[in-house]
Amino acid sequence: MNIRPLQDRIIVKRVEEEEKTKGGIIIPDAAKEKPMQGEVIAVGKGKVKEDGTVQPLDLKVGDRILFGKYAGTEIKLDGVEYLIMREDDVLGVLGTGDCGCGCGCSA
């Protein structure tokens, strides 16, 4: 991928959801909703504050995130669909423990 988001924007690749329910029922494509979680592929440098300083983003490449149903703008690069959105559109980061390393531990 040959794109770099500006300021407080991030590029996200949606994580595909399961084709079956836990009970084994196969969900047809027409009934599926687009997943509201994804993986951060690229991040901008940060938000420029009023005094001219740059506030770095809390997100990093590789984070798995939750976002709103209508968040971001869909783009297609090299045949792959991505979302470009602001960090403010992110509702939460999945799998982070108290340590902040992203591993899910509580050390």
C-alpha atoms as a PDB file:
ATOM      1  CA  MET A   1       0.000   0.000   0.000  1.00  0.00           C
ATOM      2  CA  ASN A   2       1.379   3.333  -1.026  1.00  0.00           C
ATOM      3  CA  ILE A   3      -0.546   5.893   1.033  1.00  0.00           C
ATOM      4  CA  ARG A   4       0.182   7.873   4.190  1.00  0.00           C
ATOM      5  CA  PRO A   5      -2.742   9.392   6.122  1.00  0.00           C
ATOM      6  CA  LEU A   6      -2.434  13.007   7.203  1.00  0.00           C
ATOM      7  CA  GLN A   7      -2.701  14.453  10.714  1.00  0.00           C
ATOM      8  CA  ASP A   8      -5.058  12.463  12.988  1.00  0.00           C
ATOM      9  CA  ARG A   9      -6.346  10.098  10.305  1.00  0.00           C
ATOM     10  CA  ILE A  10      -5.836   6.342  10.205  1.00  0.00           C
ATOM     11  CA  ILE A  11      -6.286   3.671   7.541  1.00  0.00           C
ATOM     12  CA  VAL A  12      -8.168   0.551   8.640  1.00  0.00           C
ATOM     13  CA  LYS A  13      -8.747  -2.813   6.982  1.00  0.00           C
ATOM     14  CA  ARG A  14     -12.014  -4.394   8.091  1.00  0.00           C
ATOM     15  CA  VAL A  15     -11.743  -7.772   9.829  1.00  0.00           C
ATOM     16  CA  GLU A  16     -14.036 -10.294   8.148  1.00  0.00           C
ATOM     17  CA  GLU A  17     -16.660 -11.877  10.388  1.00  0.00           C
ATOM     18  CA  GLU A  18     -17.512 -15.551  10.602  1.00  0.00           C
ATOM     19  CA  GLU A  19     -19.664 -17.100   7.881  1.00  0.00           C
ATOM     20  CA  LYS A  20     -21.414 -19.319  10.469  1.00  0.00           C
ATOM     21  CA  THR A  21     -23.112 -18.663  13.774  1.00  0.00           C
ATOM     22  CA  LYS A  22     -22.069 -20.536  16.898  1.00  0.00           C
ATOM     23  CA  GLY A  23     -24.973 -22.915  16.309  1.00  0.00           C
ATOM     24  CA  GLY A  24     -23.688 -23.777  12.826  1.00  0.00           C
ATOM     25  CA  ILE A  25     -26.144 -21.722  10.768  1.00  0.00           C
ATOM     26  CA  ILE A  26     -24.527 -20.301   7.616  1.00  0.00           C
ATOM     27  CA  ILE A  27     -25.244 -16.600   7.125  1.00  0.00           C
ATOM     28  CA  PRO A  28     -25.947 -15.603   3.491  1.00  0.00           C
ATOM     29  CA  ASP A  29     -24.106 -12.597   2.039  1.00  0.00           C
ATOM     30  CA  ALA A  30     -27.350 -10.624   1.714  1.00  0.00           C
ATOM     31  CA  ALA A  31     -27.983 -10.852   5.477  1.00  0.00           C
ATOM     32  CA  LYS A  32     -24.463  -9.904   6.579  1.00  0.00           C
ATOM     33  CA  GLU A  33     -23.619  -6.486   7.915  1.00  0.00           C
ATOM     34  CA  LYS A  34     -20.222  -4.953   7.389  1.00  0.00           C
ATOM     35  CA  PRO A  35     -17.953  -5.656  10.352  1.00  0.00           C
ATOM     36  CA  MET A  36     -17.410  -2.815  12.793  1.00  0.00           C
ATOM     37  CA  GLN A  37     -13.912  -3.856  13.751  1.00  0.00           C
ATOM     38  CA  GLY A  38     -10.667  -3.747  11.879  1.00  0.00           C
ATOM     39  CA  GLU A  39      -6.904  -3.589  11.946  1.00  0.00           C
ATOM     40  CA  VAL A  40      -4.976  -0.319  11.758  1.00  0.00           C
ATOM     41  CA  ILE A  41      -2.807  -0.381   8.628  1.00  0.00           C
ATOM     42  CA  ALA A  42      -1.336   3.156   8.746  1.00  0.00           C
ATOM     43  CA  VAL A  43      -1.487   6.194  11.049  1.00  0.00           C
ATOM     44  CA  GLY A  44      -0.862   9.906  10.541  1.00  0.00           C
ATOM     45  CA  LYS A  45       1.624  11.955  12.536  1.00  0.00           C
ATOM     46  CA  GLY A  46      -0.970  13.399  14.934  1.00  0.00           C
ATOM     47  CA  LYS A  47      -3.437  16.194  15.512  1.00  0.00           C
ATOM     48  CA  VAL A  48      -2.161  19.758  15.243  1.00  0.00           C
ATOM     49  CA  LYS A  49      -3.346  21.727  18.270  1.00  0.00           C
ATOM     50  CA  GLU A  50      -4.183  25.453  18.295  1.00  0.00           C
ATOM     51  CA  ASP A  51      -0.729  26.382  19.611  1.00  0.00           C
ATOM     52  CA  GLY A  52       0.935  24.580  16.664  1.00  0.00           C
ATOM     53  CA  THR A  53       2.213  21.550  18.573  1.00  0.00           C
ATOM     54  CA  VAL A  54       1.423  18.052  17.355  1.00  0.00           C
ATOM     55  CA  GLN A  55      -0.403  15.646  19.659  1.00  0.00           C
ATOM     56  CA  PRO A  56       0.634  12.090  18.647  1.00  0.00           C
ATOM     57  CA  LEU A  57      -2.037   9.443  18.127  1.00  0.00           C
ATOM     58  CA  ASP A  58      -2.832   6.796  20.756  1.00  0.00           C
ATOM     59  CA  LEU A  59      -3.215   4.176  18.005  1.00  0.00           C
ATOM     60  CA  LYS A  60      -0.426   2.318  16.259  1.00  0.00           C
ATOM     61  CA  VAL A  61      -0.145   0.060  13.244  1.00  0.00           C
ATOM     62  CA  GLY A  62      -1.446  -3.424  14.052  1.00  0.00           C
ATOM     63  CA  ASP A  63      -4.016  -2.352  16.681  1.00  0.00           C
ATOM     64  CA  ARG A  64      -7.405  -4.054  16.406  1.00  0.00           C
ATOM     65  CA  ILE A  65     -10.125  -1.461  16.855  1.00  0.00           C
ATOM     66  CA  LEU A  66     -13.893  -1.030  17.130  1.00  0.00           C
ATOM     67  CA  PHE A  67     -15.566   1.785  15.222  1.00  0.00           C
ATOM     68  CA  GLY A  68     -19.069   3.057  14.506  1.00  0.00           C
ATOM     69  CA  LYS A  69     -21.276   1.607  11.789  1.00  0.00           C
ATOM     70  CA  TYR A  70     -20.987   4.646   9.515  1.00  0.00           C
ATOM     71  CA  ALA A  71     -17.484   5.778  10.521  1.00  0.00           C
ATOM     72  CA  GLY A  72     -14.891   6.688   7.948  1.00  0.00           C
ATOM     73  CA  THR A  73     -14.755   6.840   4.180  1.00  0.00           C
ATOM     74  CA  GLU A  74     -14.366   3.701   2.107  1.00  0.00           C
ATOM     75  CA  ILE A  75     -11.447   3.652  -0.338  1.00  0.00           C
ATOM     76  CA  LYS A  76     -10.141   0.940  -2.628  1.00  0.00           C
ATOM     77  CA  LEU A  77      -6.403   0.521  -3.233  1.00  0.00           C
ATOM     78  CA  ASP A  78      -4.900  -2.265  -5.344  1.00  0.00           C
ATOM     79  CA  GLY A  79      -8.261  -4.073  -5.287  1.00  0.00           C
ATOM     80  CA  VAL A  80      -8.477  -4.090  -1.468  1.00  0.00           C
ATOM     81  CA  GLU A  81     -11.083  -2.091   0.461  1.00  0.00           C
ATOM     82  CA  TYR A  82      -9.953   0.119   3.341  1.00  0.00           C
ATOM     83  CA  LEU A  83     -11.508   2.781   5.544  1.00  0.00           C
ATOM     84  CA  ILE A  84      -9.889   6.120   6.220  1.00  0.00           C
ATOM     85  CA  MET A  85     -11.114   7.796   9.404  1.00  0.00           C
ATOM     86  CA  ARG A  86     -10.119  10.155  12.175  1.00  0.00           C
ATOM     87  CA  GLU A  87      -8.871   8.802  15.468  1.00  0.00           C
ATOM     88  CA  ASP A  88     -11.966  10.340  17.099  1.00  0.00           C
ATOM     89  CA  ASP A  89     -14.142   7.827  15.176  1.00  0.00           C
ATOM     90  CA  VAL A  90     -12.524   4.904  17.002  1.00  0.00           C
ATOM     91  CA  LEU A  91     -14.635   3.592  19.890  1.00  0.00           C
ATOM     92  CA  GLY A  92     -12.028   1.303  21.464  1.00  0.00           C
ATOM     93  CA  VAL A  93      -8.991  -0.920  21.046  1.00  0.00           C
ATOM     94  CA  LEU A  94      -9.429  -4.695  21.369  1.00  0.00           C
ATOM     95  CA  GLY A  95      -7.103  -6.993  23.282  1.00  0.00           C
ATOM     96  CA  THR A  96      -5.165  -4.474  25.342  1.00  0.00           C
ATOM     97  CA  GLY A  97      -4.448  -5.271  28.960  1.00  0.00           C
ATOM     98  CA  ASP A  98      -3.325  -3.024  31.788  1.00  0.00           C
ATOM     99  CA  CYS A  99       0.259  -3.114  30.560  1.00  0.00           C
ATOM    100  CA  GLY A 100      -0.609  -1.307  27.311  1.00  0.00           C
ATOM    101  CA  CYS A 101       1.468  -3.692  25.216  1.00  0.00           C
ATOM    102  CA  GLY A 102      -1.538  -5.057  23.290  1.00  0.00           C
ATOM    103  CA  CYS A 103      -1.018  -8.629  24.433  1.00  0.00           C
ATOM    104  CA  GLY A 104      -4.074  -8.830  26.679  1.00  0.00           C
ATOM    105  CA  CYS A 105      -2.080  -9.499  29.846  1.00  0.00           C
ATOM    106  CA  SER A 106      -2.633  -7.655  33.093  1.00  0.00           C
ATOM    107  CA  ALA A 107       1.026  -7.297  34.089  1.00  0.00           C
END
